[in-house]
Amino acid sequence: MGINDSEFANASQTSNETVAGKAMPPVTIVVPAYNLQDYLDDCVRSIQAQSYSGDKVILILDDGSTDGTRSVALSLRISDARITVCSQSNRGRAETRDRLIRMAETPIVAWIDADDIASPDWLQSQGECLLENPNVAAVGGQGYARTAGGVAIGPICHPLTHEEIERRHLEGHAN
């Protein structure tokens, strides 16, 4: 189980890079977690390995898990002061995400589910897009589904154009 350290070997923790003369703003990476003890460590390690040149804060909200998710989150916090761990009784996906948004204190908020792994340039490329396009309010991307053992199952395809996104939302799909 787990990702190899070599997968993230080239990702830097911090730098002074700018986009169009602007420093990258601080970002809060919010991680809703419910019964994902087998995935959370890899998720957080992929966040820690981001090449993002701005400051990062990681906010994990355990939504009343009945497995060891909270314990995993607390153990990750011990080795990284940027991590904040909160817990609540199970309130479901929407309320958990709403609470995370209210808790974030940075100008940019990035979402990642606790069973996801981010590519090393995820935050940097999306942050650059936001800085280069001031009329853009949100950005997204594609991902791959995987098993608890880290085996890739296949791509998770999300809509990429405004029209596709709007159509999916109007049809009642969350992504």
C-alpha atoms as a PDB file:
ATOM      1  CA  MET A   1       0.000   0.000   0.000  1.00  0.00           C
ATOM      2  CA  GLY A   2       1.079   3.580  -0.487  1.00  0.00           C
ATOM      3  CA  ILE A   3       2.854   5.768  -2.939  1.00  0.00           C
ATOM      4  CA  ASN A   4       6.568   5.705  -3.549  1.00  0.00           C
ATOM      5  CA  ASP A   5       8.641   8.618  -2.278  1.00  0.00           C
ATOM      6  CA  SER A   6      10.329   8.706  -5.684  1.00  0.00           C
ATOM      7  CA  GLU A   7       7.017   9.705  -7.293  1.00  0.00           C
ATOM      8  CA  PHE A   8       7.302  13.049  -5.545  1.00  0.00           C
ATOM      9  CA  ALA A   9      11.090  13.410  -5.399  1.00  0.00           C
ATOM     10  CA  ASN A  10      11.198  16.421  -7.721  1.00  0.00           C
ATOM     11  CA  ALA A  11       8.442  18.401  -6.005  1.00  0.00           C
ATOM     12  CA  SER A  12       9.731  21.333  -3.976  1.00  0.00           C
ATOM     13  CA  GLN A  13       8.128  22.456  -0.718  1.00  0.00           C
ATOM     14  CA  THR A  14       8.661  26.187  -1.177  1.00  0.00           C
ATOM     15  CA  SER A  15      10.192  28.653  -3.612  1.00  0.00           C
ATOM     16  CA  ASN A  16       9.924  32.319  -4.564  1.00  0.00           C
ATOM     17  CA  GLU A  17       8.320  31.758  -7.958  1.00  0.00           C
ATOM     18  CA  THR A  18       5.869  34.317  -9.252  1.00  0.00           C
ATOM     19  CA  VAL A  19       3.309  34.404 -12.025  1.00  0.00           C
ATOM     20  CA  ALA A  20       3.092  37.594 -14.060  1.00  0.00           C
ATOM     21  CA  GLY A  21       5.100  39.329 -11.323  1.00  0.00           C
ATOM     22  CA  LYS A  22       2.733  38.202  -8.553  1.00  0.00           C
ATOM     23  CA  ALA A  23       3.705  35.856  -5.733  1.00  0.00           C
ATOM     24  CA  MET A  24       1.470  32.834  -5.329  1.00  0.00           C
ATOM     25  CA  PRO A  25      -1.075  33.515  -2.561  1.00  0.00           C
ATOM     26  CA  PRO A  26      -1.493  31.237   0.437  1.00  0.00           C
ATOM     27  CA  VAL A  27      -3.854  28.312  -0.074  1.00  0.00           C
ATOM     28  CA  THR A  28      -5.851  26.128   2.297  1.00  0.00           C
ATOM     29  CA  ILE A  29      -6.172  22.542   1.110  1.00  0.00           C
ATOM     30  CA  VAL A  30      -9.364  21.157   2.612  1.00  0.00           C
ATOM     31  CA  VAL A  31      -9.707  17.412   3.047  1.00  0.00           C
ATOM     32  CA  PRO A  32     -13.108  15.986   3.994  1.00  0.00           C
ATOM     33  CA  ALA A  33     -12.623  12.483   5.388  1.00  0.00           C
ATOM     34  CA  TYR A  34     -15.084   9.755   6.291  1.00  0.00           C
ATOM     35  CA  ASN A  35     -13.874   6.181   6.920  1.00  0.00           C
ATOM     36  CA  LEU A  36     -10.783   6.572   4.725  1.00  0.00           C
ATOM     37  CA  GLN A  37      -7.996   5.452   7.046  1.00  0.00           C
ATOM     38  CA  ASP A  38      -6.381   3.382   4.282  1.00  0.00           C
ATOM     39  CA  TYR A  39      -6.102   6.369   1.945  1.00  0.00           C
ATOM     40  CA  LEU A  40      -5.545   9.493   4.053  1.00  0.00           C
ATOM     41  CA  ASP A  41      -1.780   9.136   4.582  1.00  0.00           C
ATOM     42  CA  ASP A  42      -1.098   8.955   0.813  1.00  0.00           C
ATOM     43  CA  CYS A  43      -3.427  11.886   0.192  1.00  0.00           C
ATOM     44  CA  VAL A  44      -1.657  14.118   2.701  1.00  0.00           C
ATOM     45  CA  ARG A  45       1.798  13.052   1.501  1.00  0.00           C
ATOM     46  CA  SER A  46       0.797  14.095  -2.024  1.00  0.00           C
ATOM     47  CA  ILE A  47      -0.282  17.506  -0.668  1.00  0.00           C
ATOM     48  CA  GLN A  48       2.970  17.917   1.248  1.00  0.00           C
ATOM     49  CA  ALA A  49       4.918  17.169  -1.948  1.00  0.00           C
ATOM     50  CA  GLN A  50       3.247  19.920  -3.974  1.00  0.00           C
ATOM     51  CA  SER A  51       5.489  22.201  -6.024  1.00  0.00           C
ATOM     52  CA  TYR A  52       3.219  25.134  -5.123  1.00  0.00           C
ATOM     53  CA  SER A  53       5.403  28.157  -4.395  1.00  0.00           C
ATOM     54  CA  GLY A  54       2.994  29.843  -1.970  1.00  0.00           C
ATOM     55  CA  ASP A  55       2.264  28.905   1.621  1.00  0.00           C
ATOM     56  CA  LYS A  56       0.031  25.887   2.206  1.00  0.00           C
ATOM     57  CA  VAL A  57      -2.289  25.021   5.092  1.00  0.00           C
ATOM     58  CA  ILE A  58      -3.905  21.574   5.259  1.00  0.00           C
ATOM     59  CA  LEU A  59      -7.284  21.303   6.963  1.00  0.00           C
ATOM     60  CA  ILE A  60      -8.651  17.787   7.562  1.00  0.00           C
ATOM     61  CA  LEU A  61     -12.223  17.377   8.802  1.00  0.00           C
ATOM     62  CA  ASP A  62     -13.129  13.905   9.999  1.00  0.00           C
ATOM     63  CA  ASP A  63     -16.867  13.500   9.467  1.00  0.00           C
ATOM     64  CA  GLY A  64     -17.565  11.067  12.299  1.00  0.00           C
ATOM     65  CA  SER A  65     -15.529   8.162  10.939  1.00  0.00           C
ATOM     66  CA  THR A  66     -15.939   4.802  12.656  1.00  0.00           C
ATOM     67  CA  ASP A  67     -12.557   3.472  11.515  1.00  0.00           C
ATOM     68  CA  GLY A  68      -9.099   4.887  12.291  1.00  0.00           C
ATOM     69  CA  THR A  69      -9.337   7.965  10.034  1.00  0.00           C
ATOM     70  CA  ARG A  70      -9.123  10.425  12.926  1.00  0.00           C
ATOM     71  CA  SER A  71      -6.096   8.640  14.402  1.00  0.00           C
ATOM     72  CA  VAL A  72      -4.297   8.720  11.049  1.00  0.00           C
ATOM     73  CA  ALA A  73      -5.034  12.445  10.702  1.00  0.00           C
ATOM     74  CA  LEU A  74      -3.773  13.192  14.214  1.00  0.00           C
ATOM     75  CA  SER A  75      -0.558  11.248  13.590  1.00  0.00           C
ATOM     76  CA  LEU A  76       0.048  13.254  10.394  1.00  0.00           C
ATOM     77  CA  ARG A  77      -0.437  16.501  12.326  1.00  0.00           C
ATOM     78  CA  ILE A  78       2.348  15.565  14.741  1.00  0.00           C
ATOM     79  CA  SER A  79       4.966  15.789  11.976  1.00  0.00           C
ATOM     80  CA  ASP A  80       3.572  18.814  10.094  1.00  0.00           C
ATOM     81  CA  ALA A  81       2.513  22.020  11.849  1.00  0.00           C
ATOM     82  CA  ARG A  82       0.632  23.129   8.706  1.00  0.00           C
ATOM     83  CA  ILE A  83      -2.001  20.443   9.354  1.00  0.00           C
ATOM     84  CA  THR A  84      -5.122  21.157  11.389  1.00  0.00           C
ATOM     85  CA  VAL A  85      -7.420  18.270  12.271  1.00  0.00           C
ATOM     86  CA  CYS A  86     -11.040  18.735  13.295  1.00  0.00           C
ATOM     87  CA  SER A  87     -13.763  16.206  13.992  1.00  0.00           C
ATOM     88  CA  GLN A  88     -17.537  16.269  14.007  1.00  0.00           C
ATOM     89  CA  SER A  89     -20.377  13.800  14.275  1.00  0.00           C
ATOM     90  CA  ASN A  90     -21.336  12.449  10.860  1.00  0.00           C
ATOM     91  CA  ARG A  91     -23.120  15.204   8.964  1.00  0.00           C
ATOM     92  CA  GLY A  92     -22.630  14.065   5.392  1.00  0.00           C
ATOM     93  CA  ARG A  93     -20.749  15.334   2.389  1.00  0.00           C
ATOM     94  CA  ALA A  94     -22.470  18.679   1.784  1.00  0.00           C
ATOM     95  CA  GLU A  95     -22.424  19.917   5.387  1.00  0.00           C
ATOM     96  CA  THR A  96     -18.818  18.780   5.850  1.00  0.00           C
ATOM     97  CA  ARG A  97     -17.702  20.690   2.747  1.00  0.00           C
ATOM     98  CA  ASP A  98     -19.669  23.768   3.804  1.00  0.00           C
ATOM     99  CA  ARG A  99     -17.945  23.710   7.190  1.00  0.00           C
ATOM    100  CA  LEU A 100     -14.515  23.347   5.598  1.00  0.00           C
ATOM    101  CA  ILE A 101     -15.138  26.392   3.401  1.00  0.00           C
ATOM    102  CA  ARG A 102     -16.134  28.433   6.463  1.00  0.00           C
ATOM    103  CA  MET A 103     -13.004  27.296   8.317  1.00  0.00           C
ATOM    104  CA  ALA A 104     -10.537  28.245   5.565  1.00  0.00           C
ATOM    105  CA  GLU A 105      -8.705  31.511   6.189  1.00  0.00           C
ATOM    106  CA  THR A 106      -6.775  31.965   2.936  1.00  0.00           C
ATOM    107  CA  PRO A 107      -7.798  33.653  -0.326  1.00  0.00           C
ATOM    108  CA  ILE A 108      -7.616  30.362  -2.222  1.00  0.00           C
ATOM    109  CA  VAL A 109      -9.198  27.074  -1.151  1.00  0.00           C
ATOM    110  CA  ALA A 110      -8.347  23.784  -2.860  1.00  0.00           C
ATOM    111  CA  TRP A 111     -10.399  20.622  -2.475  1.00  0.00           C
ATOM    112  CA  ILE A 112      -9.091  17.084  -2.356  1.00  0.00           C
ATOM    113  CA  ASP A 113     -10.952  14.055  -1.091  1.00  0.00           C
ATOM    114  CA  ALA A 114      -9.111  11.917   1.442  1.00  0.00           C
ATOM    115  CA  ASP A 115      -8.995   8.980  -0.973  1.00  0.00           C
ATOM    116  CA  ASP A 116      -7.311  11.007  -3.740  1.00  0.00           C
ATOM    117  CA  ILE A 117      -3.652  11.595  -4.576  1.00  0.00           C
ATOM    118  CA  ALA A 118      -2.628  14.875  -6.191  1.00  0.00           C
ATOM    119  CA  SER A 119      -0.016  15.123  -8.916  1.00  0.00           C
ATOM    120  CA  PRO A 120       2.966  17.224  -7.739  1.00  0.00           C
ATOM    121  CA  ASP A 121       2.040  20.272  -9.848  1.00  0.00           C
ATOM    122  CA  TRP A 122      -1.706  20.238  -9.095  1.00  0.00           C
ATOM    123  CA  LEU A 123      -1.796  23.377  -6.927  1.00  0.00           C
ATOM    124  CA  GLN A 124       0.840  25.286  -8.874  1.00  0.00           C
ATOM    125  CA  SER A 125      -0.884  24.825 -12.246  1.00  0.00           C
ATOM    126  CA  GLN A 126      -4.329  25.685 -10.879  1.00  0.00           C
ATOM    127  CA  GLY A 127      -2.985  28.655  -8.917  1.00  0.00           C
ATOM    128  CA  GLU A 128      -1.229  29.964 -12.028  1.00  0.00           C
ATOM    129  CA  CYS A 129      -4.485  29.646 -13.968  1.00  0.00           C
ATOM    130  CA  LEU A 130      -6.303  31.719 -11.354  1.00  0.00           C
ATOM    131  CA  LEU A 131      -3.624  34.423 -11.292  1.00  0.00           C
ATOM    132  CA  GLU A 132      -3.380  34.614 -15.087  1.00  0.00           C
ATOM    133  CA  ASN A 133      -7.168  34.763 -15.496  1.00  0.00           C
ATOM    134  CA  PRO A 134      -8.616  37.158 -12.901  1.00  0.00           C
ATOM    135  CA  ASN A 135     -12.167  36.612 -14.196  1.00  0.00           C
ATOM    136  CA  VAL A 136     -11.974  32.884 -13.375  1.00  0.00           C
ATOM    137  CA  ALA A 137     -13.493  31.955 -10.016  1.00  0.00           C
ATOM    138  CA  ALA A 138     -12.806  28.212  -9.960  1.00  0.00           C
ATOM    139  CA  VAL A 139     -10.632  25.623 -11.651  1.00  0.00           C
ATOM    140  CA  GLY A 140     -10.713  21.838 -11.643  1.00  0.00           C
ATOM    141  CA  GLY A 141      -8.974  18.829 -13.090  1.00  0.00           C
ATOM    142  CA  GLN A 142      -8.996  15.156 -13.863  1.00  0.00           C
ATOM    143  CA  GLY A 143      -8.016  12.264 -11.636  1.00  0.00           C
ATOM    144  CA  TYR A 144      -7.622   8.503 -11.438  1.00  0.00           C
ATOM    145  CA  ALA A 145      -9.549   6.123  -9.235  1.00  0.00           C
ATOM    146  CA  ARG A 146      -7.472   3.654  -7.207  1.00  0.00           C
ATOM    147  CA  THR A 147      -7.882   0.824  -4.755  1.00  0.00           C
ATOM    148  CA  ALA A 148      -6.827   1.004  -1.098  1.00  0.00           C
ATOM    149  CA  GLY A 149      -3.685  -0.835  -2.191  1.00  0.00           C
ATOM    150  CA  GLY A 150      -2.797   2.004  -4.554  1.00  0.00           C
ATOM    151  CA  VAL A 151      -3.628   0.187  -7.787  1.00  0.00           C
ATOM    152  CA  ALA A 152      -4.975   2.537 -10.468  1.00  0.00           C
ATOM    153  CA  ILE A 153      -8.464   1.564 -11.618  1.00  0.00           C
ATOM    154  CA  GLY A 154      -8.883   4.160 -14.327  1.00  0.00           C
ATOM    155  CA  PRO A 155      -9.517   7.805 -15.078  1.00  0.00           C
ATOM    156  CA  ILE A 156     -12.228   9.841 -13.417  1.00  0.00           C
ATOM    157  CA  CYS A 157     -13.386  12.127 -16.184  1.00  0.00           C
ATOM    158  CA  HIS A 158     -14.854  15.477 -15.200  1.00  0.00           C
ATOM    159  CA  PRO A 159     -16.328  18.061 -17.550  1.00  0.00           C
ATOM    160  CA  LEU A 160     -13.743  20.592 -18.716  1.00  0.00           C
ATOM    161  CA  THR A 161     -15.662  23.360 -20.459  1.00  0.00           C
ATOM    162  CA  HIS A 162     -18.044  25.875 -18.917  1.00  0.00           C
ATOM    163  CA  GLU A 163     -20.907  24.449 -20.961  1.00  0.00           C
ATOM    164  CA  GLU A 164     -20.198  20.857 -19.864  1.00  0.00           C
ATOM    165  CA  ILE A 165     -19.925  21.882 -16.209  1.00  0.00           C
ATOM    166  CA  GLU A 166     -23.136  23.894 -16.326  1.00  0.00           C
ATOM    167  CA  ARG A 167     -25.015  21.034 -18.029  1.00  0.00           C
ATOM    168  CA  ARG A 168     -23.829  18.515 -15.394  1.00  0.00           C
ATOM    169  CA  HIS A 169     -24.893  20.788 -12.542  1.00  0.00           C
ATOM    170  CA  LEU A 170     -28.287  21.412 -14.109  1.00  0.00           C
ATOM    171  CA  GLU A 171     -28.712  17.635 -14.398  1.00  0.00           C
ATOM    172  CA  GLY A 172     -28.022  17.347 -10.656  1.00  0.00           C
ATOM    173  CA  HIS A 173     -24.484  15.940 -10.785  1.00  0.00           C
ATOM    174  CA  ALA A 174     -21.970  17.240  -8.239  1.00  0.00           C
ATOM    175  CA  ASN A 175     -18.990  16.953 -10.606  1.00  0.00           C
END
